[in-house]
Amino acid sequence: MTTPQRSQPDPWSEPPQPAQPDPALTRAFTLLGEPWNGLIIAALAKGSADFAQVRERVPGISDDTLADRLKDLTTVDLVTRTAHPGPPPRSEYALAPHGNAFLIPLAAQDHLPARDSPTPAGPPAPSR
């Protein structure tokens, strides 16, 4: 009776490569990771708003940065821009259907520990 031999890894073969992340998921989290984008999306979750209203909902953002971010978010179809003729002309911004999908990861913030609080190391110790 012969014993089956275990196959040994070929020392000359390439090591296994880690799985590559989903490109769409990577793009989505990269977009959310851009400064101010998550806050702008959250601000528009409260309803459509003109530029000044968005600025009020996102304290600390400069006009130039807000304009750039709104343009970027509009370009990737997460935010819609509707121009209203004047006088004075104004633009209204709202979440596009794809923008609503970003509210799900933003809602995760309710389940994250505060920055200055320690993260749990594991399940609580059993009581005696």
Protein backbone atom coordinates (compact mmCIF):
# COMPACT_ATOMS: atom_id res chain seq x y z
CA MET A 1 0.00 0.00 0.00
CA THR A 2 1.41 3.34 -0.97
CA THR A 3 0.91 6.48 1.00
CA PRO A 4 -0.26 9.47 -1.01
CA GLN A 5 2.38 12.13 -1.12
CA ARG A 6 1.54 15.65 -0.15
CA SER A 7 2.29 18.10 -2.85
CA GLN A 8 4.83 20.65 -1.79
CA PRO A 9 4.54 24.21 -3.01
CA ASP A 10 6.86 24.97 -5.85
CA PRO A 11 9.55 27.24 -4.35
CA TRP A 12 9.94 28.94 -7.72
CA SER A 13 6.29 29.77 -8.22
CA GLU A 14 4.86 33.23 -7.66
CA PRO A 15 3.34 33.86 -4.23
CA PRO A 16 -0.44 34.21 -4.23
CA GLN A 17 -1.59 37.76 -4.84
CA PRO A 18 -4.14 39.39 -2.54
CA ALA A 19 -7.59 39.88 -3.99
CA GLN A 20 -7.98 43.20 -5.75
CA PRO A 21 -10.69 45.49 -4.36
CA ASP A 22 -13.74 46.20 -6.44
CA PRO A 23 -12.89 49.27 -8.57
CA ALA A 24 -16.38 50.75 -8.18
CA LEU A 25 -16.22 50.39 -4.40
CA THR A 26 -12.76 51.93 -4.36
CA ARG A 27 -13.99 54.91 -6.41
CA ALA A 28 -17.01 55.36 -4.12
CA PHE A 29 -14.98 55.45 -0.92
CA THR A 30 -12.31 57.62 -2.52
CA LEU A 31 -15.04 60.09 -3.44
CA LEU A 32 -16.46 60.01 0.08
CA GLY A 33 -12.96 60.45 1.46
CA GLU A 34 -12.43 63.72 -0.38
CA PRO A 35 -12.59 66.60 2.08
CA TRP A 36 -16.09 68.03 2.44
CA ASN A 37 -17.85 65.62 0.03
CA GLY A 38 -19.48 63.54 2.75
CA LEU A 39 -20.61 66.64 4.59
CA ILE A 40 -22.09 68.15 1.42
CA ILE A 41 -23.96 64.93 0.64
CA ALA A 42 -25.25 64.83 4.22
CA ALA A 43 -26.30 68.49 3.97
CA LEU A 44 -28.26 67.81 0.79
CA ALA A 45 -29.94 64.82 2.44
CA LYS A 46 -31.95 67.45 4.34
CA GLY A 47 -33.41 68.63 1.03
CA SER A 48 -32.50 70.71 -1.98
CA ALA A 49 -30.73 73.98 -1.33
CA ASP A 50 -29.18 76.91 -3.11
CA PHE A 51 -25.48 77.64 -2.76
CA ALA A 52 -25.85 79.84 0.33
CA GLN A 53 -28.04 77.27 2.07
CA VAL A 54 -25.52 74.49 1.42
CA ARG A 55 -22.78 76.75 2.79
CA GLU A 56 -24.86 77.32 5.95
CA ARG A 57 -25.36 73.56 6.36
CA VAL A 58 -21.61 72.90 6.02
CA PRO A 59 -19.94 75.30 8.44
CA GLY A 60 -16.32 76.14 7.80
CA ILE A 61 -16.24 75.47 4.07
CA SER A 62 -14.99 78.26 1.82
CA ASP A 63 -17.02 79.44 -1.16
CA ASP A 64 -14.31 78.31 -3.60
CA THR A 65 -14.09 74.83 -2.06
CA LEU A 66 -17.87 74.47 -1.98
CA ALA A 67 -18.13 75.51 -5.62
CA ASP A 68 -15.40 73.01 -6.60
CA ARG A 69 -16.95 70.15 -4.63
CA LEU A 70 -20.46 70.82 -5.94
CA LYS A 71 -19.09 70.86 -9.48
CA ASP A 72 -17.26 67.55 -8.89
CA LEU A 73 -20.31 65.90 -7.31
CA THR A 74 -22.49 67.15 -10.17
CA THR A 75 -20.02 65.83 -12.75
CA VAL A 76 -20.24 62.30 -11.32
CA ASP A 77 -24.07 62.49 -11.10
CA LEU A 78 -24.32 62.39 -7.31
CA VAL A 79 -25.77 65.89 -7.13
CA THR A 80 -28.08 67.67 -9.56
CA ARG A 81 -27.90 71.36 -10.32
CA THR A 82 -30.94 73.25 -11.50
CA ALA A 83 -30.41 76.78 -12.79
CA HIS A 84 -33.19 79.27 -12.07
CA PRO A 85 -33.26 82.45 -14.17
CA GLY A 86 -33.15 85.71 -12.29
CA PRO A 87 -32.99 88.32 -11.43
CA PRO A 88 -30.98 87.29 -9.58
CA PRO A 89 -30.11 83.99 -11.22
CA ARG A 90 -29.52 81.15 -8.77
CA SER A 91 -28.71 77.47 -8.75
CA GLU A 92 -30.41 74.83 -6.67
CA TYR A 93 -28.61 71.63 -5.68
CA ALA A 94 -30.14 68.31 -4.72
CA LEU A 95 -29.04 64.73 -4.31
CA ALA A 96 -29.34 62.70 -7.47
CA PRO A 97 -30.61 59.11 -7.15
CA HIS A 98 -27.00 57.86 -7.09
CA GLY A 99 -26.20 60.41 -4.40
CA ASN A 100 -28.89 58.91 -2.16
CA ALA A 101 -26.96 55.64 -2.21
CA PHE A 102 -24.09 57.40 -0.40
CA LEU A 103 -26.34 58.07 2.57
CA ILE A 104 -25.97 54.42 3.63
CA PRO A 105 -22.21 54.57 4.38
CA LEU A 106 -22.66 58.02 5.88
CA ALA A 107 -25.22 56.56 8.29
CA ALA A 108 -22.51 54.24 9.61
CA GLN A 109 -21.11 57.19 11.54
CA ASP A 110 -23.82 56.60 14.14
CA HIS A 111 -22.20 53.24 14.92
CA LEU A 112 -18.58 54.35 15.12
CA PRO A 113 -16.85 55.14 18.41
CA ALA A 114 -15.90 58.74 19.02
CA ARG A 115 -12.37 59.59 17.95
CA ASP A 116 -11.15 60.05 21.49
CA SER A 117 -12.83 56.97 22.93
CA PRO A 118 -11.00 53.65 22.90
CA THR A 119 -12.24 50.99 20.56
CA PRO A 120 -13.43 47.81 22.24
CA ALA A 121 -10.73 45.15 22.43
CA GLY A 122 -13.22 42.31 22.23
CA PRO A 123 -16.27 40.95 23.97
CA PRO A 124 -16.77 42.03 27.57
CA ALA A 125 -15.25 39.84 30.24
CA PRO A 126 -17.73 37.47 31.87
CA SER A 127 -18.98 38.64 35.25
CA ARG A 128 -18.25 36.45 38.22
